[in-house]
C-alpha cells in the first residue's frame, strides 16, 4: 500500500515537473514588456498600478506557458527529430498528452477569468493572444512571413495589455518600436533555425520558403527601421513634453550597441535563435540592457523636468 502511494506521488511529481518545464519559465522574461507602459507613463512609483502591472505580467506568464505546452503537443513528432527539442518532456514522452492538454486548458481558462476580473480590456487582450497563437499553431506557422509577424504580435499584445491594465493612453511610439524590435528578433530566430540545423526543411516545412539571403534582406530592412524609429521617439517634441525630459536621446547608444551586439551573436556566435538565452547568457548584452533601463529610469524619475 505504501509502495503504491509512493509510486503515485512520484508519478505526479514527474508530471508536474514536466508541465513546468514545458511552460519554459526562462521564456517568461519576455513578459517584462508588460511594464513598458508603466515605466514610460511615469507610474512606476505608484504601488497600486505596479501591483496591477505585475499581476498582468504573471497572467501573461501563465498564458504563454500554457501555449508553449499546446505548441509542443502539435510539434511533438517534429521535435523528436530535433537535436535539442527532442529532450522536451512531451517530445521525450516524459509527459503524457492528456495531463499536458488538461493542464494547458486549466491554466488558460483560469488566466482568462482572472484577466477579465482584473480588467476587461486586459482580459480581451489575453483572449486575442490565446486565439492568435491557436491559429498560429493550426495554420499560420506554415504561412511565409505571416508566421514571423504573428510571433512579433505577441510582444505588441503584451505592451498593449500593460497599458490597458493601468488605464494609460497607448503610445503609438510604443507600438511602433515594439513591432519593429520584435520583427528583428523573430527574423534573427528564423535565420538561426536555417543555419543551425543539418536539415532545417525536414524539421519545419515553412523553412523551405526562406533562405539566408532572403532573411538577411528583411533583417537589413527592419534593423535601420528600428533604430530610426527609436531615435525619432527620443527627440520627438511630443515625447519631450509628455515625459518631461529632453535628454532621452542619451539612451540611443545603448540601443545601438544592443542591436549590433545581437547581430554579432547571430552571425558570429550562432546563438541568435533564442533571444532569451542570448540575453541571459551574454554578459555584454545583459549589461547593455541593464544600463539602458537604469538610464531610462534616471531620466524619467530623477532628472530635472525640461523647461
C-alpha atoms as a PDB file:
ATOM      1  CA  UNK A   1       0.000   0.000   0.000  1.00  0.00           C
ATOM      2  CA  UNK A   2       2.745   2.431   0.974  1.00  0.00           C
ATOM      3  CA  UNK A   3       4.708   1.399  -2.102  1.00  0.00           C
ATOM      4  CA  UNK A   4       1.734   2.164  -4.346  1.00  0.00           C
ATOM      5  CA  UNK A   5       1.223   5.547  -2.692  1.00  0.00           C
ATOM      6  CA  UNK A   6       4.899   6.352  -3.133  1.00  0.00           C
ATOM      7  CA  UNK A   7       4.771   5.437  -6.825  1.00  0.00           C
ATOM      8  CA  UNK A   8       1.661   7.575  -7.291  1.00  0.00           C
ATOM      9  CA  UNK A   9       3.308  10.579  -5.641  1.00  0.00           C
ATOM     10  CA  UNK A  10       6.419  10.072  -7.742  1.00  0.00           C
ATOM     11  CA  UNK A  11       4.369   9.900 -10.938  1.00  0.00           C
ATOM     12  CA  UNK A  12       2.530  13.093 -10.005  1.00  0.00           C
ATOM     13  CA  UNK A  13       5.831  14.806  -9.265  1.00  0.00           C
ATOM     14  CA  UNK A  14       7.201  13.746 -12.652  1.00  0.00           C
ATOM     15  CA  UNK A  15       4.045  15.017 -14.369  1.00  0.00           C
ATOM     16  CA  UNK A  16       4.157  18.346 -12.511  1.00  0.00           C
ATOM     17  CA  UNK A  17       7.840  18.771 -13.312  1.00  0.00           C
ATOM     18  CA  UNK A  18       7.141  18.010 -16.971  1.00  0.00           C
ATOM     19  CA  UNK A  19       4.354  20.604 -17.076  1.00  0.00           C
ATOM     20  CA  UNK A  20       6.565  23.284 -15.507  1.00  0.00           C
ATOM     21  CA  UNK A  21       9.461  22.535 -17.863  1.00  0.00           C
ATOM     22  CA  UNK A  22       7.101  22.566 -20.854  1.00  0.00           C
ATOM     23  CA  UNK A  23       5.910  26.037 -19.827  1.00  0.00           C
ATOM     24  CA  UNK A  24       9.526  27.233 -20.304  1.00  0.00           C
ATOM     25  CA  UNK A  25       9.901  29.597 -17.335  1.00  0.00           C
ATOM     26  CA  UNK A  26      13.087  31.097 -18.804  1.00  0.00           C
ATOM     27  CA  UNK A  27      10.990  32.491 -21.662  1.00  0.00           C
ATOM     28  CA  UNK A  28       8.825  34.436 -19.224  1.00  0.00           C
ATOM     29  CA  UNK A  29      11.389  37.231 -19.252  1.00  0.00           C
ATOM     30  CA  UNK A  30       9.631  38.353 -22.448  1.00  0.00           C
ATOM     31  CA  UNK A  31       6.682  39.395 -20.299  1.00  0.00           C
ATOM     32  CA  UNK A  32       8.708  42.277 -18.862  1.00  0.00           C
ATOM     33  CA  UNK A  33       7.390  44.142 -21.920  1.00  0.00           C
ATOM     34  CA  UNK A  34       4.147  44.457 -19.926  1.00  0.00           C
ATOM     35  CA  UNK A  35       5.900  47.016 -17.691  1.00  0.00           C
ATOM     36  CA  UNK A  36       6.908  49.307 -20.602  1.00  0.00           C
ATOM     37  CA  UNK A  37       3.764  51.437 -20.387  1.00  0.00           C
ATOM     38  CA  UNK A  38       4.093  51.702 -16.607  1.00  0.00           C
ATOM     39  CA  UNK A  39       7.679  52.950 -16.853  1.00  0.00           C
ATOM     40  CA  UNK A  40       7.167  55.402 -19.703  1.00  0.00           C
ATOM     41  CA  UNK A  41       3.916  56.723 -18.229  1.00  0.00           C
ATOM     42  CA  UNK A  42       5.999  57.631 -15.143  1.00  0.00           C
ATOM     43  CA  UNK A  43       3.769  55.493 -12.916  1.00  0.00           C
ATOM     44  CA  UNK A  44       6.458  53.105 -11.674  1.00  0.00           C
ATOM     45  CA  UNK A  45       6.318  54.546  -8.158  1.00  0.00           C
ATOM     46  CA  UNK A  46       2.551  54.070  -7.859  1.00  0.00           C
ATOM     47  CA  UNK A  47       2.107  50.904  -5.708  1.00  0.00           C
ATOM     48  CA  UNK A  48      -1.429  50.199  -6.906  1.00  0.00           C
ATOM     49  CA  UNK A  49      -0.556  50.432 -10.596  1.00  0.00           C
ATOM     50  CA  UNK A  50       2.670  48.495 -10.079  1.00  0.00           C
ATOM     51  CA  UNK A  51       0.645  45.699  -8.477  1.00  0.00           C
ATOM     52  CA  UNK A  52      -1.811  45.650 -11.391  1.00  0.00           C
ATOM     53  CA  UNK A  53       1.008  45.551 -13.957  1.00  0.00           C
ATOM     54  CA  UNK A  54       2.766  42.783 -12.016  1.00  0.00           C
ATOM     55  CA  UNK A  55      -0.396  40.694 -11.901  1.00  0.00           C
ATOM     56  CA  UNK A  56      -0.889  41.273 -15.642  1.00  0.00           C
ATOM     57  CA  UNK A  57       2.678  40.091 -16.300  1.00  0.00           C
ATOM     58  CA  UNK A  58       2.035  36.961 -14.247  1.00  0.00           C
ATOM     59  CA  UNK A  59      -1.108  36.261 -16.269  1.00  0.00           C
ATOM     60  CA  UNK A  60       0.897  36.560 -19.487  1.00  0.00           C
ATOM     61  CA  UNK A  61       3.444  34.157 -17.975  1.00  0.00           C
ATOM     62  CA  UNK A  62       0.658  31.652 -17.314  1.00  0.00           C
ATOM     63  CA  UNK A  63      -0.976  32.027 -20.732  1.00  0.00           C
ATOM     64  CA  UNK A  64       2.271  31.974 -22.711  1.00  0.00           C
ATOM     65  CA  UNK A  65       3.440  28.954 -20.722  1.00  0.00           C
ATOM     66  CA  UNK A  66       0.227  27.087 -21.489  1.00  0.00           C
ATOM     67  CA  UNK A  67       0.581  27.959 -25.169  1.00  0.00           C
ATOM     68  CA  UNK A  68       4.092  26.504 -25.157  1.00  0.00           C
ATOM     69  CA  UNK A  69       2.536  23.252 -23.930  1.00  0.00           C
ATOM     70  CA  UNK A  70      -0.007  23.321 -26.768  1.00  0.00           C
ATOM     71  CA  UNK A  71       2.728  24.039 -29.326  1.00  0.00           C
ATOM     72  CA  UNK A  72       4.777  21.130 -28.009  1.00  0.00           C
ATOM     73  CA  UNK A  73       1.759  18.857 -28.416  1.00  0.00           C
ATOM     74  CA  UNK A  74       1.346  19.912 -32.053  1.00  0.00           C
ATOM     75  CA  UNK A  75       5.081  19.692 -32.791  1.00  0.00           C
ATOM     76  CA  UNK A  76       5.923  16.538 -30.830  1.00  0.00           C
ATOM     77  CA  UNK A  77       6.713  14.382 -33.872  1.00  0.00           C
ATOM     78  CA  UNK A  78       8.932  17.022 -35.481  1.00  0.00           C
ATOM     79  CA  UNK A  79      10.588  17.886 -32.169  1.00  0.00           C
ATOM     80  CA  UNK A  80      11.704  14.279 -31.782  1.00  0.00           C
ATOM     81  CA  UNK A  81      13.892  14.768 -34.889  1.00  0.00           C
ATOM     82  CA  UNK A  82      15.440  17.972 -33.492  1.00  0.00           C
ATOM     83  CA  UNK A  83      18.831  17.764 -31.730  1.00  0.00           C
ATOM     84  CA  UNK A  84      17.714  19.735 -28.661  1.00  0.00           C
ATOM     85  CA  UNK A  85      13.909  19.941 -28.798  1.00  0.00           C
ATOM     86  CA  UNK A  86      13.761  16.155 -28.630  1.00  0.00           C
ATOM     87  CA  UNK A  87      14.570  16.479 -24.918  1.00  0.00           C
ATOM     88  CA  UNK A  88      11.385  18.409 -24.168  1.00  0.00           C
ATOM     89  CA  UNK A  89       9.054  16.408 -21.869  1.00  0.00           C
ATOM     90  CA  UNK A  90       6.275  15.908 -24.417  1.00  0.00           C
ATOM     91  CA  UNK A  91       8.627  15.027 -27.282  1.00  0.00           C
ATOM     92  CA  UNK A  92      10.553  12.673 -24.974  1.00  0.00           C
ATOM     93  CA  UNK A  93       7.240  11.113 -23.836  1.00  0.00           C
ATOM     94  CA  UNK A  94       8.000  12.005 -20.224  1.00  0.00           C
ATOM     95  CA  UNK A  95       4.734  13.976 -20.148  1.00  0.00           C
ATOM     96  CA  UNK A  96       1.564  12.414 -21.487  1.00  0.00           C
ATOM     97  CA  UNK A  97      -0.850  14.085 -23.883  1.00  0.00           C
ATOM     98  CA  UNK A  98      -3.844  14.011 -21.522  1.00  0.00           C
ATOM     99  CA  UNK A  99      -2.164  15.653 -18.489  1.00  0.00           C
ATOM    100  CA  UNK A 100      -0.424  18.186 -20.756  1.00  0.00           C
ATOM    101  CA  UNK A 101      -3.635  19.164 -22.536  1.00  0.00           C
ATOM    102  CA  UNK A 102      -5.599  19.263 -19.270  1.00  0.00           C
ATOM    103  CA  UNK A 103      -3.009  21.493 -17.624  1.00  0.00           C
ATOM    104  CA  UNK A 104      -2.936  23.878 -20.605  1.00  0.00           C
ATOM    105  CA  UNK A 105      -6.740  24.147 -20.669  1.00  0.00           C
ATOM    106  CA  UNK A 106      -6.979  24.793 -16.914  1.00  0.00           C
ATOM    107  CA  UNK A 107      -4.201  27.387 -16.938  1.00  0.00           C
ATOM    108  CA  UNK A 108      -5.606  29.281 -19.912  1.00  0.00           C
ATOM    109  CA  UNK A 109      -9.156  29.244 -18.504  1.00  0.00           C
ATOM    110  CA  UNK A 110      -8.011  30.419 -15.079  1.00  0.00           C
ATOM    111  CA  UNK A 111      -5.772  33.144 -16.526  1.00  0.00           C
ATOM    112  CA  UNK A 112      -8.538  34.472 -18.775  1.00  0.00           C
ATOM    113  CA  UNK A 113     -11.032  34.568 -15.898  1.00  0.00           C
ATOM    114  CA  UNK A 114      -8.507  36.388 -13.697  1.00  0.00           C
ATOM    115  CA  UNK A 115      -7.664  38.789 -16.527  1.00  0.00           C
ATOM    116  CA  UNK A 116     -11.287  39.782 -17.133  1.00  0.00           C
ATOM    117  CA  UNK A 117     -11.804  40.146 -13.375  1.00  0.00           C
ATOM    118  CA  UNK A 118      -8.800  42.456 -13.065  1.00  0.00           C
ATOM    119  CA  UNK A 119      -9.510  44.481 -16.191  1.00  0.00           C
ATOM    120  CA  UNK A 120     -11.921  43.622 -19.041  1.00  0.00           C
ATOM    121  CA  UNK A 121      -9.615  45.233 -21.651  1.00  0.00           C
ATOM    122  CA  UNK A 122      -6.712  43.139 -20.349  1.00  0.00           C
ATOM    123  CA  UNK A 123      -8.896  40.036 -20.491  1.00  0.00           C
ATOM    124  CA  UNK A 124      -9.727  40.841 -24.113  1.00  0.00           C
ATOM    125  CA  UNK A 125      -6.028  41.209 -24.961  1.00  0.00           C
ATOM    126  CA  UNK A 126      -5.246  37.883 -23.279  1.00  0.00           C
ATOM    127  CA  UNK A 127      -8.075  36.252 -25.245  1.00  0.00           C
ATOM    128  CA  UNK A 128      -6.723  37.695 -28.512  1.00  0.00           C
ATOM    129  CA  UNK A 129      -3.262  36.446 -27.547  1.00  0.00           C
ATOM    130  CA  UNK A 130      -4.592  32.921 -26.995  1.00  0.00           C
ATOM    131  CA  UNK A 131      -6.682  32.955 -30.189  1.00  0.00           C
ATOM    132  CA  UNK A 132      -3.806  34.287 -32.289  1.00  0.00           C
ATOM    133  CA  UNK A 133      -1.441  31.619 -31.027  1.00  0.00           C
ATOM    134  CA  UNK A 134      -4.046  28.918 -31.562  1.00  0.00           C
ATOM    135  CA  UNK A 135      -4.434  29.976 -35.209  1.00  0.00           C
ATOM    136  CA  UNK A 136      -0.641  30.124 -35.439  1.00  0.00           C
ATOM    137  CA  UNK A 137      -0.283  26.545 -34.203  1.00  0.00           C
ATOM    138  CA  UNK A 138      -3.017  25.264 -36.515  1.00  0.00           C
ATOM    139  CA  UNK A 139      -2.210  27.219 -39.673  1.00  0.00           C
ATOM    140  CA  UNK A 140      -0.174  30.433 -39.674  1.00  0.00           C
ATOM    141  CA  UNK A 141       3.092  28.785 -38.601  1.00  0.00           C
ATOM    142  CA  UNK A 142       3.218  27.390 -42.149  1.00  0.00           C
ATOM    143  CA  UNK A 143       2.478  30.705 -43.924  1.00  0.00           C
ATOM    144  CA  UNK A 144       5.621  32.531 -45.016  1.00  0.00           C
ATOM    145  CA  UNK A 145       6.227  35.994 -43.462  1.00  0.00           C
ATOM    146  CA  UNK A 146       2.930  35.853 -41.561  1.00  0.00           C
ATOM    147  CA  UNK A 147       4.473  33.235 -39.285  1.00  0.00           C
ATOM    148  CA  UNK A 148       7.120  35.746 -38.204  1.00  0.00           C
ATOM    149  CA  UNK A 149       4.610  38.580 -37.890  1.00  0.00           C
ATOM    150  CA  UNK A 150       2.423  36.509 -35.578  1.00  0.00           C
ATOM    151  CA  UNK A 151       5.424  35.810 -33.342  1.00  0.00           C
ATOM    152  CA  UNK A 152       6.125  39.552 -33.260  1.00  0.00           C
ATOM    153  CA  UNK A 153       2.481  40.339 -32.468  1.00  0.00           C
ATOM    154  CA  UNK A 154       2.872  38.572 -29.118  1.00  0.00           C
ATOM    155  CA  UNK A 155       5.192  41.322 -27.899  1.00  0.00           C
ATOM    156  CA  UNK A 156       2.795  44.008 -29.118  1.00  0.00           C
ATOM    157  CA  UNK A 157      -0.110  42.396 -27.253  1.00  0.00           C
ATOM    158  CA  UNK A 158       1.990  42.285 -24.081  1.00  0.00           C
ATOM    159  CA  UNK A 159       2.729  46.016 -24.418  1.00  0.00           C
ATOM    160  CA  UNK A 160      -0.966  46.748 -25.079  1.00  0.00           C
ATOM    161  CA  UNK A 161      -2.044  44.691 -22.092  1.00  0.00           C
ATOM    162  CA  UNK A 162       0.414  46.549 -19.879  1.00  0.00           C
ATOM    163  CA  UNK A 163      -1.045  49.897 -20.943  1.00  0.00           C
ATOM    164  CA  UNK A 164      -4.682  48.853 -20.679  1.00  0.00           C
ATOM    165  CA  UNK A 165      -4.391  47.288 -17.220  1.00  0.00           C
ATOM    166  CA  UNK A 166      -3.149  50.576 -15.720  1.00  0.00           C
ATOM    167  CA  UNK A 167      -5.527  52.655 -17.870  1.00  0.00           C
ATOM    168  CA  UNK A 168      -2.965  54.905 -19.570  1.00  0.00           C
ATOM    169  CA  UNK A 169      -3.088  56.102 -23.189  1.00  0.00           C
ATOM    170  CA  UNK A 170      -1.450  53.702 -25.619  1.00  0.00           C
ATOM    171  CA  UNK A 171       1.531  55.445 -27.205  1.00  0.00           C
ATOM    172  CA  UNK A 172       1.899  54.931 -30.942  1.00  0.00           C
ATOM    173  CA  UNK A 173       5.660  55.156 -30.399  1.00  0.00           C
ATOM    174  CA  UNK A 174       5.495  52.194 -28.017  1.00  0.00           C
ATOM    175  CA  UNK A 175       3.605  50.133 -30.580  1.00  0.00           C
ATOM    176  CA  UNK A 176       5.894  51.049 -33.494  1.00  0.00           C
ATOM    177  CA  UNK A 177       9.130  50.384 -31.607  1.00  0.00           C
ATOM    178  CA  UNK A 178       7.786  47.131 -30.175  1.00  0.00           C
ATOM    179  CA  UNK A 179       6.665  45.874 -33.603  1.00  0.00           C
ATOM    180  CA  UNK A 180       9.998  46.654 -35.248  1.00  0.00           C
ATOM    181  CA  UNK A 181      12.161  45.250 -32.455  1.00  0.00           C
ATOM    182  CA  UNK A 182      10.103  42.063 -32.213  1.00  0.00           C
ATOM    183  CA  UNK A 183      10.282  41.581 -36.002  1.00  0.00           C
ATOM    184  CA  UNK A 184      14.056  42.000 -35.784  1.00  0.00           C
ATOM    185  CA  UNK A 185      14.266  39.272 -33.130  1.00  0.00           C
ATOM    186  CA  UNK A 186      11.854  36.982 -34.994  1.00  0.00           C
ATOM    187  CA  UNK A 187      13.763  37.201 -38.288  1.00  0.00           C
ATOM    188  CA  UNK A 188      17.031  36.550 -36.455  1.00  0.00           C
ATOM    189  CA  UNK A 189      15.393  33.485 -34.898  1.00  0.00           C
ATOM    190  CA  UNK A 190      14.356  32.181 -38.327  1.00  0.00           C
ATOM    191  CA  UNK A 191      17.854  32.798 -39.672  1.00  0.00           C
ATOM    192  CA  UNK A 192      19.425  30.780 -36.880  1.00  0.00           C
ATOM    193  CA  UNK A 193      16.993  27.934 -37.495  1.00  0.00           C
ATOM    194  CA  UNK A 194      18.186  27.759 -41.095  1.00  0.00           C
ATOM    195  CA  UNK A 195      21.846  27.922 -40.157  1.00  0.00           C
ATOM    196  CA  UNK A 196      21.807  25.764 -37.035  1.00  0.00           C
ATOM    197  CA  UNK A 197      20.019  22.643 -38.306  1.00  0.00           C
ATOM    198  CA  UNK A 198      21.538  19.982 -40.563  1.00  0.00           C
ATOM    199  CA  UNK A 199      18.187  19.559 -42.308  1.00  0.00           C
ATOM    200  CA  UNK A 200      16.016  22.583 -41.426  1.00  0.00           C
ATOM    201  CA  UNK A 201      13.450  21.796 -44.134  1.00  0.00           C
ATOM    202  CA  UNK A 202      12.948  18.337 -42.701  1.00  0.00           C
ATOM    203  CA  UNK A 203      12.224  19.761 -39.260  1.00  0.00           C
ATOM    204  CA  UNK A 204       9.828  22.514 -40.297  1.00  0.00           C
ATOM    205  CA  UNK A 205       8.075  22.843 -43.669  1.00  0.00           C
ATOM    206  CA  UNK A 206       7.881  26.633 -43.576  1.00  0.00           C
ATOM    207  CA  UNK A 207      11.674  26.906 -43.646  1.00  0.00           C
ATOM    208  CA  UNK A 208      11.531  25.798 -47.276  1.00  0.00           C
ATOM    209  CA  UNK A 209      10.080  29.232 -48.043  1.00  0.00           C
ATOM    210  CA  UNK A 210      13.063  31.012 -46.526  1.00  0.00           C
ATOM    211  CA  UNK A 211      16.704  31.361 -47.474  1.00  0.00           C
ATOM    212  CA  UNK A 212      19.610  33.036 -45.705  1.00  0.00           C
ATOM    213  CA  UNK A 213      19.752  35.806 -48.330  1.00  0.00           C
ATOM    214  CA  UNK A 214      16.007  36.452 -48.106  1.00  0.00           C
ATOM    215  CA  UNK A 215      16.023  36.668 -44.317  1.00  0.00           C
ATOM    216  CA  UNK A 216      19.145  38.843 -44.339  1.00  0.00           C
ATOM    217  CA  UNK A 217      17.371  41.295 -46.635  1.00  0.00           C
ATOM    218  CA  UNK A 218      14.431  41.526 -44.234  1.00  0.00           C
ATOM    219  CA  UNK A 219      16.791  41.958 -41.279  1.00  0.00           C
ATOM    220  CA  UNK A 220      18.542  44.706 -43.257  1.00  0.00           C
ATOM    221  CA  UNK A 221      15.192  46.486 -43.596  1.00  0.00           C
ATOM    222  CA  UNK A 222      13.979  46.026 -40.030  1.00  0.00           C
ATOM    223  CA  UNK A 223      17.284  46.889 -38.285  1.00  0.00           C
ATOM    224  CA  UNK A 224      17.638  50.504 -39.510  1.00  0.00           C
ATOM    225  CA  UNK A 225      13.873  50.991 -39.217  1.00  0.00           C
ATOM    226  CA  UNK A 226      14.048  50.029 -35.538  1.00  0.00           C
ATOM    227  CA  UNK A 227      16.968  52.360 -34.864  1.00  0.00           C
ATOM    228  CA  UNK A 228      15.409  55.296 -36.723  1.00  0.00           C
ATOM    229  CA  UNK A 229      12.034  54.813 -35.019  1.00  0.00           C
ATOM    230  CA  UNK A 230      13.645  54.798 -31.573  1.00  0.00           C
ATOM    231  CA  UNK A 231      15.823  57.802 -32.414  1.00  0.00           C
ATOM    232  CA  UNK A 232      12.793  59.787 -33.604  1.00  0.00           C
ATOM    233  CA  UNK A 233      10.941  58.761 -30.458  1.00  0.00           C
ATOM    234  CA  UNK A 234      13.689  60.101 -28.175  1.00  0.00           C
ATOM    235  CA  UNK A 235      13.798  63.522 -29.873  1.00  0.00           C
ATOM    236  CA  UNK A 236      10.077  63.933 -30.517  1.00  0.00           C
ATOM    237  CA  UNK A 237       8.706  67.221 -29.072  1.00  0.00           C
ATOM    238  CA  UNK A 238       5.529  65.342 -28.150  1.00  0.00           C
ATOM    239  CA  UNK A 239       7.517  62.812 -26.111  1.00  0.00           C
ATOM    240  CA  UNK A 240       9.649  65.535 -24.529  1.00  0.00           C
ATOM    241  CA  UNK A 241       6.522  67.330 -23.351  1.00  0.00           C
ATOM    242  CA  UNK A 242       4.839  64.149 -22.130  1.00  0.00           C
ATOM    243  CA  UNK A 243       7.837  62.689 -20.279  1.00  0.00           C
ATOM    244  CA  UNK A 244       9.266  65.967 -19.012  1.00  0.00           C
ATOM    245  CA  UNK A 245      12.787  65.362 -20.294  1.00  0.00           C
ATOM    246  CA  UNK A 246      14.650  66.321 -23.447  1.00  0.00           C
ATOM    247  CA  UNK A 247      17.588  64.013 -22.755  1.00  0.00           C
ATOM    248  CA  UNK A 248      16.071  60.651 -23.655  1.00  0.00           C
ATOM    249  CA  UNK A 249      18.394  60.599 -26.673  1.00  0.00           C
ATOM    250  CA  UNK A 250      21.150  59.645 -24.228  1.00  0.00           C
ATOM    251  CA  UNK A 251      19.752  56.112 -24.291  1.00  0.00           C
ATOM    252  CA  UNK A 252      20.331  55.752 -28.057  1.00  0.00           C
ATOM    253  CA  UNK A 253      23.937  54.457 -27.722  1.00  0.00           C
ATOM    254  CA  UNK A 254      22.685  51.561 -25.603  1.00  0.00           C
ATOM    255  CA  UNK A 255      20.101  50.650 -28.231  1.00  0.00           C
ATOM    256  CA  UNK A 256      22.720  50.876 -30.975  1.00  0.00           C
ATOM    257  CA  UNK A 257      25.154  48.669 -29.112  1.00  0.00           C
ATOM    258  CA  UNK A 258      22.441  46.203 -28.103  1.00  0.00           C
ATOM    259  CA  UNK A 259      21.275  45.652 -31.676  1.00  0.00           C
ATOM    260  CA  UNK A 260      24.823  45.470 -33.031  1.00  0.00           C
ATOM    261  CA  UNK A 261      25.806  43.042 -30.275  1.00  0.00           C
ATOM    262  CA  UNK A 262      22.802  40.855 -31.067  1.00  0.00           C
ATOM    263  CA  UNK A 263      23.713  40.817 -34.758  1.00  0.00           C
ATOM    264  CA  UNK A 264      27.216  39.793 -33.735  1.00  0.00           C
ATOM    265  CA  UNK A 265      25.788  36.910 -31.688  1.00  0.00           C
ATOM    266  CA  UNK A 266      23.625  35.842 -34.626  1.00  0.00           C
ATOM    267  CA  UNK A 267      26.285  35.989 -37.328  1.00  0.00           C
ATOM    268  CA  UNK A 268      29.437  35.131 -35.396  1.00  0.00           C
ATOM    269  CA  UNK A 269      28.349  33.049 -32.414  1.00  0.00           C
ATOM    270  CA  UNK A 270      25.259  31.329 -33.733  1.00  0.00           C
ATOM    271  CA  UNK A 271      23.098  31.885 -30.632  1.00  0.00           C
ATOM    272  CA  UNK A 272      20.568  34.333 -32.025  1.00  0.00           C
ATOM    273  CA  UNK A 273      17.894  31.683 -32.382  1.00  0.00           C
ATOM    274  CA  UNK A 274      16.856  32.171 -28.759  1.00  0.00           C
ATOM    275  CA  UNK A 275      16.629  35.835 -27.672  1.00  0.00           C
ATOM    276  CA  UNK A 276      16.057  34.880 -24.037  1.00  0.00           C
ATOM    277  CA  UNK A 277      19.136  32.686 -23.934  1.00  0.00           C
ATOM    278  CA  UNK A 278      21.206  35.378 -25.644  1.00  0.00           C
ATOM    279  CA  UNK A 279      20.103  37.980 -23.107  1.00  0.00           C
ATOM    280  CA  UNK A 280      20.655  35.772 -20.071  1.00  0.00           C
ATOM    281  CA  UNK A 281      23.974  34.256 -21.128  1.00  0.00           C
ATOM    282  CA  UNK A 282      25.765  37.070 -22.973  1.00  0.00           C
ATOM    283  CA  UNK A 283      27.154  39.385 -20.311  1.00  0.00           C
ATOM    284  CA  UNK A 284      27.823  42.418 -22.570  1.00  0.00           C
ATOM    285  CA  UNK A 285      24.254  42.294 -23.898  1.00  0.00           C
ATOM    286  CA  UNK A 286      22.817  41.866 -20.404  1.00  0.00           C
ATOM    287  CA  UNK A 287      24.877  44.800 -19.086  1.00  0.00           C
ATOM    288  CA  UNK A 288      23.779  46.933 -22.040  1.00  0.00           C
ATOM    289  CA  UNK A 289      20.083  46.239 -21.426  1.00  0.00           C
ATOM    290  CA  UNK A 290      20.549  46.905 -17.715  1.00  0.00           C
ATOM    291  CA  UNK A 291      22.303  50.231 -18.337  1.00  0.00           C
ATOM    292  CA  UNK A 292      19.592  51.234 -20.800  1.00  0.00           C
ATOM    293  CA  UNK A 293      16.913  50.508 -18.202  1.00  0.00           C
ATOM    294  CA  UNK A 294      18.749  52.362 -15.436  1.00  0.00           C
ATOM    295  CA  UNK A 295      19.314  55.363 -17.722  1.00  0.00           C
ATOM    296  CA  UNK A 296      15.650  55.474 -18.723  1.00  0.00           C
ATOM    297  CA  UNK A 297      14.531  55.349 -15.078  1.00  0.00           C
ATOM    298  CA  UNK A 298      17.055  58.019 -14.079  1.00  0.00           C
ATOM    299  CA  UNK A 299      15.991  60.367 -16.868  1.00  0.00           C
ATOM    300  CA  UNK A 300      12.269  59.921 -16.238  1.00  0.00           C
ATOM    301  CA  UNK A 301      12.191  59.806 -12.446  1.00  0.00           C
ATOM    302  CA  UNK A 302      15.305  61.577 -11.182  1.00  0.00           C
ATOM    303  CA  UNK A 303      16.199  64.209 -13.755  1.00  0.00           C
ATOM    304  CA  UNK A 304      15.041  67.810 -13.549  1.00  0.00           C
ATOM    305  CA  UNK A 305      11.981  68.273 -15.785  1.00  0.00           C
ATOM    306  CA  UNK A 306      12.523  70.032 -19.100  1.00  0.00           C
ATOM    307  CA  UNK A 307      11.573  73.731 -19.034  1.00  0.00           C
END
